Structures are given as C-alpha cells and as structure tokens.
Amino acid sequence: MPAEHAVSIASKLIEDPNVNPTGLGARDSLRLEAGLCLYGHDLNEAINPVMGALAWTLGGPKSRRRMEQGFLGAEHFLTSEGKLKKQEEKRVGIMGMKAPAREHTEIYDATGEKLIGRITSGTFSPCLKVPIAMGYVSTPNAKFDTDVMLKIRNKMQPAKVTKMPFVETRYYRVPE
C-alpha cells in the first residue's frame, strides 16, 4: 500500500464496528498458537531448518534443492545425497505448565536434574485458555508426550512436549 494512503485506510478500518485494533501481543499469541517462528527468538543464524522443524521448506529427499544444495549452510544439515543430518537439538511445543514459560526459561528432564533445553517463546493461549511455549530440547527429549520440567520463577513446574501447531490452522487460500 502506498504510504500516503496508510492513515486513511487505517481510519476506515477503525470506523468499521467489526474491526478491532490489535498490537504485538495479539500477533505474538496468534503466531505461537499456529506454531510459527519469530526471527531473533525461535530462529537465528545458529538454528538451521532441520533443528527448527522447517525441513519441509527444503523439499523432499530427492528434490532439486536438496540435491543441488545451492544455498548457504546446506553442508551443516544435509548429506551429499540430500538426506537430513541428525541434529543435537529440535524445536518442540511445550504444554501442561501452570504459569506461562517465557523466553530463556530452562527446560529440564523429567527428574528436574538435567538441563535439556530452553524456551524461545511462551505466552498464555487465548484460544486454548492455557499457557503454551516453544523451545529447543536435546533430540532424545523431543518426542511427543515426553515429560519435562520447566524452571519458571525459580520453581520447577511439570510440562510435556507436544505437537505443533497448538491450534489447528485454517489459513485462507485463494481459490485457483
């Protein structure tokens, strides 16, 4: 949209009784419920697509992208045959805690003794009415329904590794 029309379009939207303004908090809770990453939190230069559960963006095992590997960093997560290399950590969903786990919250194994990861995003889910979070854990602990402990405000809280998205997506797709 051309910048000179931004104010008039925003004004028209706000005049509509069916439209409510929202802020970054709403955007953040919606993207987390959908299991989407935010760069600088859930993704950065040190996290590759396999660790981030985004290997689907590379195509299938025999796809041209995987075989040619014509992009930076491919050697860190693809074999020369285009197969995915095993990673030390994986991005997972976390649910079951009583309080929201925020960024940098430590994730421990079920005994609460071994540090296995960290939360990268967390909030209270308006749709599910419970706290949700995503983060990175060591690969052996990334299986669905794995019991974990979160250190929230210096207290250990039980939680579980869960599948994402937390809320089923219903993205609008333009009819073809």
C-alpha atoms as a PDB file:
ATOM      1  CA  MET A   1       0.000   0.000   0.000  1.00  0.00           C
ATOM      2  CA  PRO A   2       1.380   3.437  -0.784  1.00  0.00           C
ATOM      3  CA  ALA A   3       2.437   5.235   2.411  1.00  0.00           C
ATOM      4  CA  GLU A   4       0.312   8.297   1.648  1.00  0.00           C
ATOM      5  CA  HIS A   5      -2.867   6.139   1.915  1.00  0.00           C
ATOM      6  CA  ALA A   6      -1.983   4.403   5.217  1.00  0.00           C
ATOM      7  CA  VAL A   7      -3.776   6.824   7.552  1.00  0.00           C
ATOM      8  CA  SER A   8      -6.992   6.955   5.518  1.00  0.00           C
ATOM      9  CA  ILE A   9      -7.146   3.170   5.177  1.00  0.00           C
ATOM     10  CA  ALA A  10      -6.451   2.675   8.919  1.00  0.00           C
ATOM     11  CA  SER A  11      -9.170   5.230   9.739  1.00  0.00           C
ATOM     12  CA  LYS A  12     -11.712   3.399   7.546  1.00  0.00           C
ATOM     13  CA  LEU A  13     -10.849   0.078   9.207  1.00  0.00           C
ATOM     14  CA  ILE A  14     -11.253   1.514  12.717  1.00  0.00           C
ATOM     15  CA  GLU A  15     -14.652   3.021  11.768  1.00  0.00           C
ATOM     16  CA  ASP A  16     -15.916  -0.499  10.955  1.00  0.00           C
ATOM     17  CA  PRO A  17     -17.594  -1.951  14.111  1.00  0.00           C
ATOM     18  CA  ASN A  18     -16.398  -5.448  13.111  1.00  0.00           C
ATOM     19  CA  VAL A  19     -12.732  -4.416  13.243  1.00  0.00           C
ATOM     20  CA  ASN A  20     -10.726  -4.065  16.452  1.00  0.00           C
ATOM     21  CA  PRO A  21      -7.162  -2.748  16.607  1.00  0.00           C
ATOM     22  CA  THR A  22      -4.600  -5.185  17.997  1.00  0.00           C
ATOM     23  CA  GLY A  23      -0.980  -4.967  18.996  1.00  0.00           C
ATOM     24  CA  LEU A  24       2.154  -7.052  19.106  1.00  0.00           C
ATOM     25  CA  GLY A  25       0.794  -9.156  21.973  1.00  0.00           C
ATOM     26  CA  ALA A  26      -2.081 -10.381  19.798  1.00  0.00           C
ATOM     27  CA  ARG A  27       0.259 -11.062  16.896  1.00  0.00           C
ATOM     28  CA  ASP A  28       2.606 -12.963  19.185  1.00  0.00           C
ATOM     29  CA  SER A  29      -0.069 -15.172  20.754  1.00  0.00           C
ATOM     30  CA  LEU A  30      -1.618 -15.965  17.360  1.00  0.00           C
ATOM     31  CA  ARG A  31       1.698 -16.903  15.751  1.00  0.00           C
ATOM     32  CA  LEU A  32       2.642 -19.044  18.740  1.00  0.00           C
ATOM     33  CA  GLU A  33      -0.729 -20.849  18.700  1.00  0.00           C
ATOM     34  CA  ALA A  34      -0.054 -21.565  15.000  1.00  0.00           C
ATOM     35  CA  GLY A  35       3.442 -22.866  15.832  1.00  0.00           C
ATOM     36  CA  LEU A  36       5.143 -20.181  13.733  1.00  0.00           C
ATOM     37  CA  CYS A  37       8.657 -18.927  14.453  1.00  0.00           C
ATOM     38  CA  LEU A  38       9.750 -15.360  15.133  1.00  0.00           C
ATOM     39  CA  TYR A  39      13.209 -14.485  13.875  1.00  0.00           C
ATOM     40  CA  GLY A  40      15.541 -13.462  16.669  1.00  0.00           C
ATOM     41  CA  HIS A  41      13.678 -15.677  19.141  1.00  0.00           C
ATOM     42  CA  ASP A  42      12.816 -19.076  17.636  1.00  0.00           C
ATOM     43  CA  LEU A  43      15.164 -18.712  14.657  1.00  0.00           C
ATOM     44  CA  ASN A  44      18.594 -17.141  14.241  1.00  0.00           C
ATOM     45  CA  GLU A  45      21.891 -17.708  12.403  1.00  0.00           C
ATOM     46  CA  ALA A  46      22.756 -20.677  14.659  1.00  0.00           C
ATOM     47  CA  ILE A  47      19.484 -22.566  14.045  1.00  0.00           C
ATOM     48  CA  ASN A  48      19.197 -24.477  10.779  1.00  0.00           C
ATOM     49  CA  PRO A  49      15.933 -25.632   9.110  1.00  0.00           C
ATOM     50  CA  VAL A  50      16.244 -29.179  10.473  1.00  0.00           C
ATOM     51  CA  MET A  51      16.671 -28.027  14.087  1.00  0.00           C
ATOM     52  CA  GLY A  52      13.792 -25.582  13.630  1.00  0.00           C
ATOM     53  CA  ALA A  53      11.398 -28.292  12.316  1.00  0.00           C
ATOM     54  CA  LEU A  54      11.342 -26.470   8.969  1.00  0.00           C
ATOM     55  CA  ALA A  55      12.886 -29.141   6.717  1.00  0.00           C
ATOM     56  CA  TRP A  56       9.634 -29.151   4.717  1.00  0.00           C
ATOM     57  CA  THR A  57      10.789 -25.846   3.199  1.00  0.00           C
ATOM     58  CA  LEU A  58      13.672 -27.689   1.501  1.00  0.00           C
ATOM     59  CA  GLY A  59      11.509 -30.104  -0.487  1.00  0.00           C
ATOM     60  CA  GLY A  60      11.610 -33.905  -0.405  1.00  0.00           C
ATOM     61  CA  PRO A  61      14.727 -36.107  -0.171  1.00  0.00           C
ATOM     62  CA  LYS A  62      15.222 -36.237  -3.972  1.00  0.00           C
ATOM     63  CA  SER A  63      14.196 -32.637  -4.667  1.00  0.00           C
ATOM     64  CA  ARG A  64      16.410 -30.344  -6.738  1.00  0.00           C
ATOM     65  CA  ARG A  65      17.047 -28.017  -3.780  1.00  0.00           C
ATOM     66  CA  ARG A  66      18.316 -30.844  -1.603  1.00  0.00           C
ATOM     67  CA  MET A  67      20.376 -32.453  -4.344  1.00  0.00           C
ATOM     68  CA  GLU A  68      21.995 -29.251  -5.695  1.00  0.00           C
ATOM     69  CA  GLN A  69      22.375 -27.613  -2.269  1.00  0.00           C
ATOM     70  CA  GLY A  70      22.831 -24.206  -3.907  1.00  0.00           C
ATOM     71  CA  PHE A  71      22.278 -22.210  -0.717  1.00  0.00           C
ATOM     72  CA  LEU A  72      24.404 -21.119   2.218  1.00  0.00           C
ATOM     73  CA  GLY A  73      24.778 -23.546   5.104  1.00  0.00           C
ATOM     74  CA  ALA A  74      23.469 -26.672   3.347  1.00  0.00           C
ATOM     75  CA  GLU A  75      26.560 -28.633   4.373  1.00  0.00           C
ATOM     76  CA  HIS A  76      25.594 -28.205   8.047  1.00  0.00           C
ATOM     77  CA  PHE A  77      22.306 -30.102   7.813  1.00  0.00           C
ATOM     78  CA  LEU A  78      22.301 -32.072   4.518  1.00  0.00           C
ATOM     79  CA  THR A  79      24.417 -35.031   3.455  1.00  0.00           C
ATOM     80  CA  SER A  80      25.879 -35.061  -0.056  1.00  0.00           C
ATOM     81  CA  GLU A  81      22.915 -37.303  -1.023  1.00  0.00           C
ATOM     82  CA  GLY A  82      20.422 -34.657   0.161  1.00  0.00           C
ATOM     83  CA  LYS A  83      19.403 -36.525   3.311  1.00  0.00           C
ATOM     84  CA  LEU A  84      18.912 -34.706   6.610  1.00  0.00           C
ATOM     85  CA  LYS A  85      21.779 -34.907   9.077  1.00  0.00           C
ATOM     86  CA  LYS A  86      20.921 -35.737  12.681  1.00  0.00           C
ATOM     87  CA  GLN A  87      20.813 -32.634  14.876  1.00  0.00           C
ATOM     88  CA  GLU A  88      21.632 -32.231  18.561  1.00  0.00           C
ATOM     89  CA  GLU A  89      18.515 -30.120  19.238  1.00  0.00           C
ATOM     90  CA  LYS A  90      14.983 -29.811  17.858  1.00  0.00           C
ATOM     91  CA  ARG A  91      12.221 -27.223  18.178  1.00  0.00           C
ATOM     92  CA  VAL A  92       9.208 -28.525  20.112  1.00  0.00           C
ATOM     93  CA  GLY A  93       5.945 -27.341  21.608  1.00  0.00           C
ATOM     94  CA  ILE A  94       5.515 -27.401  25.401  1.00  0.00           C
ATOM     95  CA  MET A  95       2.226 -27.514  27.346  1.00  0.00           C
ATOM     96  CA  GLY A  96       0.944 -28.510  30.768  1.00  0.00           C
ATOM     97  CA  MET A  97       2.677 -25.934  32.967  1.00  0.00           C
ATOM     98  CA  LYS A  98       0.634 -23.774  35.335  1.00  0.00           C
ATOM     99  CA  ALA A  99       2.318 -20.449  34.522  1.00  0.00           C
ATOM    100  CA  PRO A 100       3.494 -19.175  31.131  1.00  0.00           C
ATOM    101  CA  ALA A 101       7.133 -20.014  30.407  1.00  0.00           C
ATOM    102  CA  ARG A 102       8.863 -17.016  28.862  1.00  0.00           C
ATOM    103  CA  GLU A 103      11.933 -16.761  26.640  1.00  0.00           C
ATOM    104  CA  HIS A 104      15.115 -18.175  28.260  1.00  0.00           C
ATOM    105  CA  THR A 105      13.178 -20.402  30.682  1.00  0.00           C
ATOM    106  CA  GLU A 106      15.270 -23.515  31.282  1.00  0.00           C
ATOM    107  CA  ILE A 107      13.886 -26.931  30.291  1.00  0.00           C
ATOM    108  CA  TYR A 108      14.974 -29.953  32.364  1.00  0.00           C
ATOM    109  CA  ASP A 109      14.387 -33.677  32.017  1.00  0.00           C
ATOM    110  CA  ALA A 110      11.516 -35.307  33.955  1.00  0.00           C
ATOM    111  CA  THR A 111      13.680 -35.625  37.091  1.00  0.00           C
ATOM    112  CA  GLY A 112      14.432 -31.901  37.066  1.00  0.00           C
ATOM    113  CA  GLU A 113      18.149 -32.605  37.306  1.00  0.00           C
ATOM    114  CA  LYS A 114      19.493 -32.449  33.739  1.00  0.00           C
ATOM    115  CA  LEU A 115      19.214 -29.257  31.683  1.00  0.00           C
ATOM    116  CA  ILE A 116      17.991 -30.305  28.212  1.00  0.00           C
ATOM    117  CA  GLY A 117      16.910 -27.052  26.550  1.00  0.00           C
ATOM    118  CA  ARG A 118      15.397 -23.585  26.703  1.00  0.00           C
ATOM    119  CA  ILE A 119      12.150 -21.833  25.864  1.00  0.00           C
ATOM    120  CA  THR A 120      12.304 -19.394  22.955  1.00  0.00           C
ATOM    121  CA  SER A 121       8.672 -18.152  23.022  1.00  0.00           C
ATOM    122  CA  GLY A 122       5.855 -18.567  25.504  1.00  0.00           C
ATOM    123  CA  THR A 123       2.530 -16.995  26.374  1.00  0.00           C
ATOM    124  CA  PHE A 124      -0.995 -17.683  27.584  1.00  0.00           C
ATOM    125  CA  SER A 125      -3.103 -19.048  24.719  1.00  0.00           C
ATOM    126  CA  PRO A 126      -6.361 -17.090  24.341  1.00  0.00           C
ATOM    127  CA  CYS A 127      -7.877 -19.926  22.261  1.00  0.00           C
ATOM    128  CA  LEU A 128      -6.858 -22.841  24.482  1.00  0.00           C
ATOM    129  CA  LYS A 129      -7.056 -20.911  27.789  1.00  0.00           C
ATOM    130  CA  VAL A 130      -3.744 -22.465  28.962  1.00  0.00           C
ATOM    131  CA  PRO A 131      -0.054 -21.490  28.837  1.00  0.00           C
ATOM    132  CA  ILE A 132       1.868 -22.656  25.740  1.00  0.00           C
ATOM    133  CA  ALA A 133       5.505 -22.380  24.725  1.00  0.00           C
ATOM    134  CA  MET A 134       8.007 -23.482  22.125  1.00  0.00           C
ATOM    135  CA  GLY A 135      11.661 -24.070  22.554  1.00  0.00           C
ATOM    136  CA  TYR A 136      14.632 -26.267  21.766  1.00  0.00           C
ATOM    137  CA  VAL A 137      15.448 -29.516  23.550  1.00  0.00           C
ATOM    138  CA  SER A 138      18.096 -32.177  23.012  1.00  0.00           C
ATOM    139  CA  THR A 139      16.890 -34.529  20.261  1.00  0.00           C
ATOM    140  CA  PRO A 140      16.359 -37.598  22.515  1.00  0.00           C
ATOM    141  CA  ASN A 141      13.904 -35.488  24.554  1.00  0.00           C
ATOM    142  CA  ALA A 142      11.985 -34.126  21.548  1.00  0.00           C
ATOM    143  CA  LYS A 143       9.486 -36.979  21.274  1.00  0.00           C
ATOM    144  CA  PHE A 144       5.766 -36.180  21.630  1.00  0.00           C
ATOM    145  CA  ASP A 145       4.441 -36.572  25.198  1.00  0.00           C
ATOM    146  CA  THR A 146       7.905 -36.544  26.834  1.00  0.00           C
ATOM    147  CA  ASP A 147       7.691 -35.336  30.430  1.00  0.00           C
ATOM    148  CA  VAL A 148       9.855 -32.300  31.182  1.00  0.00           C
ATOM    149  CA  MET A 149      10.298 -29.786  33.984  1.00  0.00           C
ATOM    150  CA  LEU A 150      10.434 -26.023  33.457  1.00  0.00           C
ATOM    151  CA  LYS A 151      12.189 -23.644  35.817  1.00  0.00           C
ATOM    152  CA  ILE A 152       9.700 -20.766  35.974  1.00  0.00           C
ATOM    153  CA  ARG A 153      10.467 -18.024  38.503  1.00  0.00           C
ATOM    154  CA  ASN A 154      12.920 -20.389  40.247  1.00  0.00           C
ATOM    155  CA  LYS A 155      10.225 -23.059  40.758  1.00  0.00           C
ATOM    156  CA  MET A 156      10.115 -26.347  38.851  1.00  0.00           C
ATOM    157  CA  GLN A 157       6.854 -26.988  37.010  1.00  0.00           C
ATOM    158  CA  PRO A 158       5.925 -30.193  35.170  1.00  0.00           C
ATOM    159  CA  ALA A 159       5.076 -29.963  31.470  1.00  0.00           C
ATOM    160  CA  LYS A 160       5.041 -32.125  28.344  1.00  0.00           C
ATOM    161  CA  VAL A 161       6.493 -31.952  24.860  1.00  0.00           C
ATOM    162  CA  THR A 162       3.585 -31.564  22.453  1.00  0.00           C
ATOM    163  CA  LYS A 163       2.910 -31.304  18.742  1.00  0.00           C
ATOM    164  CA  MET A 164       2.532 -28.019  16.935  1.00  0.00           C
ATOM    165  CA  PRO A 165       0.539 -26.152  15.846  1.00  0.00           C
ATOM    166  CA  PHE A 166      -1.172 -25.813  19.211  1.00  0.00           C
ATOM    167  CA  VAL A 167      -4.362 -24.629  17.490  1.00  0.00           C
ATOM    168  CA  GLU A 168      -5.454 -26.101  14.171  1.00  0.00           C
ATOM    169  CA  THR A 169      -4.756 -23.626  11.392  1.00  0.00           C
ATOM    170  CA  ARG A 170      -7.417 -22.503   8.969  1.00  0.00           C
ATOM    171  CA  TYR A 171      -5.421 -20.282   6.669  1.00  0.00           C
ATOM    172  CA  TYR A 172      -7.314 -18.597   3.880  1.00  0.00           C
ATOM    173  CA  ARG A 173      -6.153 -19.840   0.497  1.00  0.00           C
ATOM    174  CA  VAL A 174      -7.039 -18.005  -2.670  1.00  0.00           C
ATOM    175  CA  PRO A 175      -9.094 -20.336  -4.906  1.00  0.00           C
ATOM    176  CA  GLU A 176      -7.199 -21.412  -8.002  1.00  0.00           C
END
